[in-house]
Protein backbone atom coordinates (compact mmCIF):
# COMPACT_ATOMS: atom_id res chain seq x y z
CA MET A 1 -47.04 31.91 -1.53
CA PRO A 2 -46.40 34.87 -3.87
CA THR A 3 -43.09 35.48 -5.05
CA ARG A 4 -41.08 38.76 -4.13
CA ARG A 5 -42.08 40.02 -7.74
CA VAL A 6 -45.83 39.29 -7.18
CA PHE A 7 -45.64 41.55 -4.07
CA LEU A 8 -43.60 44.26 -5.72
CA LYS A 9 -46.13 44.33 -8.60
CA LEU A 10 -49.17 44.27 -5.90
CA ALA A 11 -47.88 47.14 -4.08
CA ALA A 12 -47.28 48.86 -7.39
CA THR A 13 -50.54 48.49 -8.73
CA ALA A 14 -53.07 48.45 -6.03
CA GLY A 15 -52.02 49.50 -2.57
CA THR A 16 -54.39 49.81 -0.16
CA SER A 17 -58.23 50.43 -0.63
CA THR A 18 -58.13 53.24 1.84
CA THR A 19 -55.23 55.06 0.26
CA VAL A 20 -56.50 54.74 -3.28
CA VAL A 21 -59.94 55.91 -2.37
CA SER A 22 -58.51 58.91 -0.42
CA ARG A 23 -55.92 59.74 -3.31
CA LEU A 24 -57.96 59.61 -6.05
CA ALA A 25 -61.14 61.16 -4.36
CA GLY A 26 -59.02 64.36 -4.06
CA ARG A 27 -57.41 64.41 -7.27
CA ASP A 28 -60.59 64.39 -9.56
CA GLN A 29 -62.51 67.00 -7.50
CA ALA A 30 -61.53 69.26 -10.60
CA THR A 31 -63.97 67.25 -13.36
CA SER A 32 -65.94 65.41 -11.28
CA GLY A 33 -68.74 66.41 -8.45
CA PRO A 34 -67.32 65.43 -4.98
CA GLU A 35 -70.26 62.76 -5.01
CA GLY A 36 -68.99 61.26 -8.33
CA ALA A 37 -65.28 61.78 -7.59
CA THR A 38 -65.95 59.56 -3.89
CA ASP A 39 -67.91 57.03 -6.10
CA ARG A 40 -65.10 56.86 -8.50
CA ALA A 41 -62.30 56.13 -5.82
CA THR A 42 -64.67 53.60 -4.61
CA TRP A 43 -64.91 51.66 -7.65
CA ILE A 44 -60.96 52.18 -8.45
CA ALA A 45 -60.18 50.72 -5.20
CA LEU A 46 -62.33 47.60 -5.43
CA ALA A 47 -61.12 47.30 -8.84
CA HIS A 48 -57.67 47.17 -7.63
CA ARG A 49 -58.60 44.60 -5.06
CA LEU A 50 -60.18 42.24 -7.83
CA ALA A 51 -56.85 42.69 -9.99
CA SER A 52 -54.62 41.96 -6.91
CA PRO A 53 -53.25 39.35 -6.62
CA LEU A 54 -54.85 37.49 -9.68
CA LEU A 55 -52.71 39.70 -12.43
CA PRO A 56 -49.33 40.06 -10.41
CA SER A 57 -49.44 36.47 -9.80
CA LEU A 58 -50.01 35.41 -13.47
CA ALA A 59 -47.62 38.03 -14.54
CA ALA A 60 -44.95 36.43 -12.55
CA ARG A 61 -46.00 33.17 -13.87
CA ARG A 62 -47.11 32.01 -10.65
CA LEU A 63 -50.97 31.67 -11.10
CA ARG A 64 -51.34 28.09 -10.60
CA ALA A 65 -48.86 27.96 -7.95
CA THR A 66 -50.95 30.81 -5.70
CA MET A 67 -54.48 30.50 -6.81
CA PRO A 68 -56.91 28.63 -4.86
CA VAL A 69 -59.38 26.42 -6.47
CA GLU A 70 -62.94 26.51 -4.32
CA SER A 71 -65.61 24.77 -6.04
CA HIS A 72 -68.40 22.90 -5.28
CA ARG A 73 -67.95 19.77 -3.37
CA SER A 74 -68.82 17.40 -6.12
CA SER A 75 -66.78 19.06 -8.87
CA ARG A 76 -63.59 17.28 -9.36
CA ASP A 77 -62.01 19.26 -12.80
CA ARG A 78 -62.18 23.11 -11.78
CA ALA A 79 -58.76 23.44 -11.56
CA GLU A 80 -58.15 22.73 -15.50
CA TYR A 81 -60.38 25.87 -16.11
CA THR A 82 -60.38 28.39 -13.38
CA HIS A 83 -57.21 30.24 -14.23
CA LEU A 84 -58.25 31.31 -17.72
CA GLU A 85 -61.59 31.93 -16.11
CA GLY A 86 -60.06 34.28 -13.83
CA LEU A 87 -57.96 36.39 -16.21
CA GLY A 88 -60.63 36.33 -19.42
CA ARG A 89 -63.38 37.62 -17.08
CA LEU A 90 -61.30 40.28 -14.79
CA LEU A 91 -60.24 41.95 -18.02
CA ALA A 92 -63.33 41.64 -19.59
CA GLY A 93 -64.91 44.18 -16.89
CA LEU A 94 -61.83 46.18 -16.48
CA GLY A 95 -60.81 46.82 -20.17
CA PRO A 96 -62.48 50.03 -20.73
CA TRP A 97 -61.20 51.51 -17.81
CA LEU A 98 -57.41 50.02 -18.65
CA GLU A 99 -58.15 51.75 -22.40
CA LEU A 100 -58.08 55.25 -21.06
CA PRO A 101 -55.22 57.31 -21.77
CA ASP A 102 -52.67 58.11 -19.54
CA ASP A 103 -53.81 61.80 -18.80
CA GLY A 104 -51.17 62.82 -16.40
CA SER A 105 -53.27 62.38 -13.30
CA THR A 106 -52.75 59.68 -10.20
CA GLU A 107 -55.21 57.63 -11.31
CA GLY A 108 -53.63 57.65 -14.94
CA ALA A 109 -50.27 56.40 -13.71
CA GLU A 110 -52.13 53.68 -11.63
CA ARG A 111 -54.17 52.86 -14.53
CA THR A 112 -50.91 52.73 -16.66
CA ARG A 113 -49.41 50.18 -14.25
CA LEU A 114 -52.05 47.74 -13.99
CA ALA A 115 -52.35 47.83 -17.79
CA GLU A 116 -48.80 46.65 -18.31
CA THR A 117 -49.13 43.97 -15.78
CA ALA A 118 -52.02 42.74 -17.48
CA ARG A 119 -50.25 42.57 -20.63
CA GLU A 120 -47.68 40.57 -18.90
CA ALA A 121 -50.36 38.33 -17.86
CA ILE A 122 -51.70 37.64 -21.36
CA ASP A 123 -48.06 36.91 -22.17
CA ALA A 124 -47.60 34.38 -19.17
CA GLY A 125 -51.17 32.79 -20.29
CA THR A 126 -50.72 32.24 -23.49
CA ASP A 127 -46.73 31.38 -23.94
CA PRO A 128 -46.89 27.54 -24.37
CA ARG A 129 -43.42 27.60 -22.29
CA SER A 130 -45.05 29.14 -19.78
CA PRO A 131 -45.88 27.08 -16.23
CA ASP A 132 -49.17 29.43 -16.21
CA PHE A 133 -49.97 28.34 -19.79
CA LEU A 134 -53.87 28.46 -19.94
CA ASN A 135 -56.08 25.89 -21.32
CA PHE A 136 -57.99 27.15 -24.36
CA SER A 137 -58.90 23.50 -25.68
CA ARG A 138 -59.27 20.76 -23.29
CA GLY A 139 -63.22 20.03 -22.35
CA ARG A 140 -65.94 22.36 -23.13
CA GLN A 141 -65.29 25.14 -20.74
CA PRO A 142 -62.42 27.11 -22.09
CA LEU A 143 -64.78 28.30 -24.93
CA VAL A 144 -66.85 30.67 -22.87
CA ASP A 145 -63.27 32.21 -21.40
CA ALA A 146 -61.56 32.19 -24.58
CA ALA A 147 -64.50 34.58 -25.51
CA PHE A 148 -64.21 36.75 -22.48
CA LEU A 149 -60.63 37.31 -22.93
CA ALA A 150 -61.39 37.94 -26.69
CA GLN A 151 -64.31 40.18 -25.48
CA ALA A 152 -61.78 42.06 -23.24
CA MET A 153 -59.41 42.93 -26.16
CA LEU A 154 -62.34 44.29 -28.01
CA ARG A 155 -63.06 46.52 -25.40
CA ALA A 156 -59.47 47.45 -24.76
CA PRO A 157 -57.89 47.09 -28.55
CA ARG A 158 -54.95 49.53 -27.59
CA GLU A 159 -53.82 48.70 -24.15
CA LEU A 160 -54.65 44.58 -24.48
CA TRP A 161 -53.99 44.00 -28.09
CA GLU A 162 -51.76 46.46 -29.77
CA LYS A 163 -49.20 47.25 -27.54
CA LEU A 164 -48.73 43.17 -27.07
CA PRO A 165 -45.33 42.51 -28.73
CA PRO A 166 -45.68 40.59 -31.98
CA ARG A 167 -44.78 37.15 -30.31
CA VAL A 168 -47.76 37.58 -27.91
CA ARG A 169 -50.22 38.59 -30.21
CA ALA A 170 -49.30 35.36 -32.30
CA ASN A 171 -49.59 33.17 -29.32
CA VAL A 172 -52.97 34.97 -28.32
CA ILE A 173 -54.54 34.01 -31.89
CA ALA A 174 -53.16 30.49 -31.87
CA ALA A 175 -54.65 29.90 -28.36
CA LEU A 176 -58.27 31.36 -29.49
CA VAL A 177 -58.01 28.95 -32.55
CA SER A 178 -57.51 26.33 -30.60
CA SER A 179 -60.93 26.81 -29.15
CA ARG A 180 -62.49 26.17 -32.44
CA PRO A 181 -63.46 22.45 -32.18
CA ILE A 182 -65.41 23.12 -29.09
CA PRO A 183 -69.09 22.98 -30.00
CA ALA A 184 -71.37 25.86 -29.31
CA GLY A 185 -74.65 24.35 -27.52
CA GLU A 186 -77.86 25.58 -28.29
CA ASN A 187 -78.25 28.44 -25.62
CA ASN A 188 -75.95 31.81 -24.78
CA TRP A 189 -72.97 29.71 -25.62
CA LYS A 190 -73.54 30.55 -29.19
CA LEU A 191 -72.24 34.04 -28.66
CA PHE A 192 -68.79 32.77 -27.15
CA ALA A 193 -68.14 31.05 -30.38
CA THR A 194 -69.35 34.62 -32.14
CA THR A 195 -67.21 36.43 -29.75
CA VAL A 196 -63.83 34.54 -30.63
CA GLU A 197 -64.80 34.80 -34.22
CA THR A 198 -65.26 38.48 -34.09
CA PHE A 199 -62.31 39.24 -32.39
CA LEU A 200 -60.06 36.89 -34.84
CA HIS A 201 -61.83 38.61 -37.76
CA ARG A 202 -61.02 42.28 -36.36
CA ALA A 203 -57.14 40.83 -35.99
CA GLY A 204 -56.90 40.11 -39.40
CA VAL A 205 -57.60 36.36 -38.77
CA ARG A 206 -59.79 34.24 -41.18
CA ARG A 207 -62.70 33.59 -39.30
CA ASP A 208 -65.07 30.67 -39.18
CA GLU A 209 -68.28 31.82 -40.84
CA ALA A 210 -70.67 29.30 -39.20
CA ARG A 211 -69.55 30.14 -35.89
CA LEU A 212 -69.64 33.90 -36.20
CA ALA A 213 -73.30 33.86 -37.69
CA ALA A 214 -74.88 31.25 -35.70
CA GLY A 215 -74.83 33.28 -32.48
CA ILE A 216 -76.22 36.36 -34.25
CA GLU A 217 -78.75 34.36 -36.17
CA LYS A 218 -79.81 32.32 -33.23
CA HIS A 219 -80.58 35.41 -31.09
CA ARG A 220 -82.61 37.34 -33.62
CA GLU A 221 -85.03 34.12 -33.27
CA TRP A 222 -84.65 33.89 -29.24
CA TYR A 223 -85.96 37.65 -28.74
CA VAL A 224 -88.98 37.25 -26.19
CA GLY A 225 -90.14 40.85 -26.19
CA ASP A 226 -89.77 43.67 -23.72
CA GLY A 227 -85.96 43.98 -24.20
CA ALA A 228 -85.03 40.28 -23.06
CA TYR A 229 -83.71 37.08 -24.93
CA GLY A 230 -84.43 33.82 -24.09
CA ASP A 231 -81.27 31.44 -23.19
CA GLY A 232 -82.19 29.43 -26.04
CA PRO A 233 -85.46 28.82 -27.66
CA GLU A 234 -86.71 29.58 -23.84
CA PHE A 235 -86.56 32.24 -21.22
CA HIS A 236 -85.14 31.79 -18.02
CA TRP A 237 -85.47 33.65 -14.81
CA ASP A 238 -81.65 34.57 -14.69
CA TYR A 239 -79.43 37.17 -15.22
CA TYR A 240 -77.88 35.71 -18.55
CA ASN A 241 -78.95 38.55 -20.46
CA SER A 242 -76.41 40.44 -18.56
CA PHE A 243 -73.84 38.17 -17.96
CA VAL A 244 -73.21 37.45 -21.81
CA ILE A 245 -76.36 37.69 -24.23
CA GLN A 246 -76.99 41.45 -24.41
CA PRO A 247 -73.25 42.73 -24.58
CA MET A 248 -72.03 39.80 -26.83
CA LEU A 249 -74.79 40.07 -29.33
CA MET A 250 -74.30 44.00 -29.36
CA GLU A 251 -70.17 43.86 -29.73
CA ALA A 252 -70.68 41.45 -32.36
CA LEU A 253 -73.07 43.44 -34.27
CA GLU A 254 -70.77 46.80 -33.93
CA VAL A 255 -68.06 44.74 -35.72
CA VAL A 256 -69.90 43.18 -38.38
CA GLY A 257 -73.15 44.41 -38.72
CA GLU A 258 -72.44 46.49 -42.11
CA GLU A 259 -72.19 43.35 -43.74
CA GLN A 260 -75.73 42.13 -44.24
CA ALA A 261 -78.67 44.37 -44.25
CA ALA A 262 -80.48 42.17 -41.87
CA TRP A 263 -77.68 42.37 -39.33
CA ARG A 264 -77.76 46.30 -39.82
CA GLU A 265 -81.44 46.21 -38.75
CA LEU A 266 -80.79 43.79 -36.07
CA ARG A 267 -78.55 46.03 -34.66
CA ALA A 268 -80.60 48.86 -34.28
CA LYS A 269 -83.01 46.80 -32.56
CA ALA A 270 -80.16 45.32 -30.23
CA ARG A 271 -79.51 48.81 -29.17
CA GLN A 272 -83.19 49.54 -28.36
CA ARG A 273 -83.59 46.21 -26.53
CA ILE A 274 -80.44 46.87 -24.14
CA SER A 275 -81.21 50.34 -23.22
CA ARG A 276 -84.80 48.69 -22.05
CA TRP A 277 -82.94 45.91 -20.58
CA ALA A 278 -80.75 48.73 -18.32
CA GLU A 279 -83.87 50.75 -17.51
CA VAL A 280 -85.49 47.18 -16.08
CA GLN A 281 -82.27 46.44 -14.29
CA GLU A 282 -82.13 50.06 -12.54
CA ARG A 283 -85.56 49.29 -11.15
CA MET A 284 -84.58 46.05 -9.56
CA ILE A 285 -81.89 47.80 -7.65
CA SER A 286 -83.16 48.86 -3.87
CA PRO A 287 -81.91 51.59 -1.55
CA ASP A 288 -79.32 49.18 -0.03
CA GLY A 289 -77.81 47.55 -3.10
CA SER A 290 -79.58 44.45 -2.96
CA TYR A 291 -81.90 42.97 -5.68
CA PRO A 292 -83.69 39.42 -6.59
CA VAL A 293 -81.65 36.44 -5.58
CA LEU A 294 -82.75 34.68 -9.11
CA GLY A 295 -81.86 32.00 -11.36
CA ARG A 296 -78.16 30.35 -11.72
CA SER A 297 -74.51 31.89 -11.33
CA ILE A 298 -75.99 34.25 -8.91
CA ALA A 299 -72.55 34.07 -7.48
CA TYR A 300 -71.11 36.21 -10.23
CA ARG A 301 -72.31 38.81 -7.85
CA CYS A 302 -72.69 42.61 -9.18
CA GLY A 303 -71.78 41.09 -12.78
CA ALA A 304 -75.40 40.62 -13.00
CA PHE A 305 -75.99 44.12 -13.62
CA GLN A 306 -73.55 44.40 -16.55
CA GLY A 307 -76.48 45.23 -18.67
CA LEU A 308 -76.84 48.56 -16.88
CA ALA A 309 -73.30 49.11 -16.79
CA PHE A 310 -72.55 48.47 -20.34
CA ALA A 311 -75.57 50.99 -21.56
CA ALA A 312 -74.01 53.44 -19.44
CA TRP A 313 -70.61 52.99 -20.69
CA ARG A 314 -71.96 53.74 -24.07
CA ASP A 315 -74.04 56.30 -23.40
CA TRP A 316 -77.20 54.05 -24.25
CA LEU A 317 -79.52 54.78 -21.38
CA PRO A 318 -83.03 55.73 -21.87
CA LYS A 319 -84.06 59.07 -21.33
CA ALA A 320 -86.08 58.32 -17.98
CA LEU A 321 -82.48 57.34 -16.67
CA PRO A 322 -80.34 60.03 -15.86
CA PRO A 323 -76.91 58.80 -15.98
CA ALA A 324 -75.62 59.89 -12.53
CA GLN A 325 -78.83 57.45 -11.25
CA ALA A 326 -76.94 54.63 -12.96
CA ARG A 327 -73.92 55.36 -11.19
CA THR A 328 -75.72 55.24 -7.93
CA ALA A 329 -77.69 52.08 -8.49
CA LEU A 330 -74.22 50.40 -9.83
CA THR A 331 -72.31 51.64 -7.03
CA ARG A 332 -74.88 50.20 -4.51
CA VAL A 333 -74.93 46.80 -6.00
CA ILE A 334 -70.80 46.93 -6.21
CA ARG A 335 -70.37 47.76 -2.62
CA ARG A 336 -73.40 45.35 -1.61
CA THR A 337 -71.60 42.53 -2.94
CA LEU A 338 -68.28 43.34 -2.82
CA GLU A 339 -67.80 44.69 0.68
CA ALA A 340 -69.43 42.13 2.46
CA PRO A 341 -67.31 40.65 5.11
CA GLY A 342 -66.13 36.97 4.02
CA THR A 343 -66.35 38.17 0.11
CA PHE A 344 -62.42 37.96 0.08
CA ASP A 345 -60.51 35.18 1.48
CA GLY A 346 -57.08 35.91 3.54
CA ALA A 347 -54.98 36.21 0.92
CA GLY A 348 -57.39 38.75 -1.34
CA TRP A 349 -59.00 35.98 -3.60
CA LEU A 350 -62.93 36.04 -4.22
CA ARG A 351 -64.77 33.53 -2.28
CA ILE A 352 -67.95 31.55 -3.76
CA GLY A 353 -71.22 33.72 -2.63
CA LEU A 354 -73.24 36.96 -2.95
CA ALA A 355 -73.17 39.17 0.59
CA GLY A 356 -69.96 37.29 1.79
CA ALA A 357 -68.74 33.62 1.46
CA GLN A 358 -71.86 31.49 0.48
CA PRO A 359 -70.56 28.29 -1.02
CA GLY A 360 -73.98 26.76 -1.23
CA LEU A 361 -74.60 29.57 -4.31
CA GLY A 362 -71.89 28.07 -6.21
CA GLU A 363 -73.30 25.32 -8.95
CA THR A 364 -70.84 22.69 -10.34
CA TYR A 365 -69.29 24.74 -13.10
CA ILE A 366 -68.23 27.62 -10.95
CA SER A 367 -65.06 28.00 -9.10
CA THR A 368 -62.64 30.79 -7.73
CA GLY A 369 -61.86 32.23 -11.20
CA SER A 370 -65.55 32.32 -12.64
CA LEU A 371 -66.47 34.84 -9.72
CA TYR A 372 -64.25 37.40 -11.45
CA LEU A 373 -67.50 37.86 -13.94
CA CYS A 374 -68.08 40.43 -11.16
CA SER A 375 -65.80 42.77 -12.94
CA THR A 376 -68.11 43.74 -15.41
CA ALA A 377 -70.47 46.16 -13.44
CA PHE A 378 -67.15 48.40 -13.74
CA LEU A 379 -67.26 49.23 -17.32
CA PRO A 380 -68.20 52.79 -16.87
CA LEU A 381 -64.76 53.01 -15.42
CA GLY A 382 -64.15 53.57 -18.87
CA LEU A 383 -65.80 56.79 -18.94
CA PRO A 384 -63.73 59.95 -18.20
CA ALA A 385 -64.45 61.57 -15.06
CA SER A 386 -65.65 64.47 -16.58
CA VAL A 387 -69.12 63.11 -17.93
CA PRO A 388 -72.33 63.06 -16.85
CA PHE A 389 -72.16 59.76 -15.38
CA TRP A 390 -69.48 60.80 -12.88
CA ARG A 391 -70.05 64.54 -12.91
CA ASP A 392 -73.55 64.96 -12.06
CA PRO A 393 -75.29 64.60 -8.60
CA ALA A 394 -77.23 61.68 -8.39
CA PRO A 395 -81.16 61.46 -8.12
CA ARG A 396 -82.94 59.04 -6.15
CA LEU A 397 -83.24 55.61 -7.74
CA THR A 398 -86.57 54.53 -9.42
CA TRP A 399 -87.04 52.24 -6.33
CA GLU A 400 -86.97 55.04 -3.68
CA LYS A 401 -88.96 57.71 -5.89
CA ALA A 402 -92.05 55.18 -6.38
CA TRP A 403 -91.77 53.91 -2.44
CA SER A 404 -91.51 57.36 -1.10
CA GLY A 405 -94.67 58.52 -2.69
CA ALA A 406 -93.35 60.62 -5.70
CA ASP A 407 -95.25 60.71 -8.61
CA LEU A 408 -93.97 59.03 -11.60
CA PRO A 409 -94.80 58.31 -15.09
CA ALA A 410 -95.87 54.73 -15.63
CA ASP A 411 -93.37 51.99 -17.38
CA LYS A 412 -93.86 51.17 -20.69
CA ALA A 413 -92.98 47.84 -22.71
CA ILE A 414 -91.06 48.43 -25.74
CA LYS A 415 -92.54 47.12 -29.17
CA SER A 416 -89.18 45.80 -30.84
CA PRO A 417 -90.39 42.89 -33.04
CA ARG A 418 -87.66 40.00 -34.34
């Protein structure tokens, strides 16, 4: 069971979902419309539910002692990897929200406490003396989640990197560097190595040029058209353009894109492509928040819509897609996948599934920590409550407009060659 310190952190950081919703919705009325304030409060309550008990347990150096390891019945080694998975993936999604400054609001105070807990968790997970020292180098899986942790620190450089004590920053660098011997396969894994090297470069560490460049160059080749990349040389019907490919490629190009004319050109194309991908994703969401159950890793739930969330967070939505419409689409997906009965176990940990507990949807590489990639749907929490995404009344979704008989312009593919 968690220690007293874990429970105190949990209480200070999260509270109950109902309390968080009511408190934050009332506080934000001045900067966002009533509907947007309610949506934001709902997102924050669910973000807290995801963060607890994972971050407080790791901060107390009790994650291995308290976190269950649910996995496919044929898997035997997921306990080696699941804890780093949970930390990296959770923070990759919540990082932009934690990065917002403390503005004196109730939400700001909650955010500040959670960011402090996140830094303590990073310390515990990268300290070789910690009982919760995480595995960054044994097996192949650690490369994936070293990259998600690196992505989190790229997204929240002040709160998740600069505020770390020098000792902890040195431990983080050593942990990420230790993942370098892990080979990156001929698929989206190239971008995991690219992301680690991109962060190390930004942190002032000499980068591995080949590992950084391979993910960029390969995905230039693997573009298949109309805003989508293949996962390797072939296109797969799944959500890996959202889970990994488009966000990680774009973020690497934002850091190093000025270094080569070809990379600058690719950066402009990649931005156009992720806007188109976001447009397609919004059209996939039905009025009840359901969407096509396609491809592997479907148990990452609403993380399937990181592409839409990323474009909304960066203000890169196409003109035809109002920000508040994207908010409504994401809110419905988040609630449909995270509020279903059975989504969390009795201690608050995620269960394998899409809409509740559905262990059959878990592949052999999926375990409890993997599931926290769902947090990447929450990226627009990194936008202040005053922006149109949160402020404006929401129009109907494209699905609703089309099937109610509204007269819409025809959908068009984009022309974006390699």
